[in-house]
C-alpha cells in the first residue's frame, strides 16, 4: 500500500513490489523493484526538480505532480500519466480482483476493484527471475 509518511516521492509497495515515482527535472522518474530494495544502478546523477511538486495520498490512490506532469497510482499499483490533465500514458492492466463487502452476519458481496477485468490476470508489470542474478522487468 502507500507509505503516506513519505512526501519526497510517491512510495507504493505491495506483495514484494516496491514502486517509487520521483520528481525529476520538470517530469517524473519511475523506479520499480521486486524483493530487491531500492538499488539504483541507472540515472545515478541527481536532478533538480520543481520546488513546488506535490505528493497527495488518498485511501484508493496517490498522486504526484511535478510541473505539468502528473502520475496517479491506484491501490492495485496501476500508473496513469497526465500532461495538463490529459492522459498521455496508461498502463495496460487487466486483473480480476475482488473485495468482499459484508452485507450482514452471514452474507458477503464481491465487489470488483478494477475498472477492467479479465480472467487472463494480465498485470502491467511482470518480474521474471534471471538465473544467477536478480529480477528483470518485462
Foldseek 3Di string as FASTA:
>chain_A
DWPVVDWQWTWDDDPQKTWTWHFAAQEIDIFIDGVPPRDDPPPPDDHDFAPPWTWDDDPFWIWTHTHQKIWIQGNVGWIFIDGVNHTDDTFDFADFDWDWDDPDDPDTDTDTPDPHYDPVRDGRWDWDQDVPDGTDID
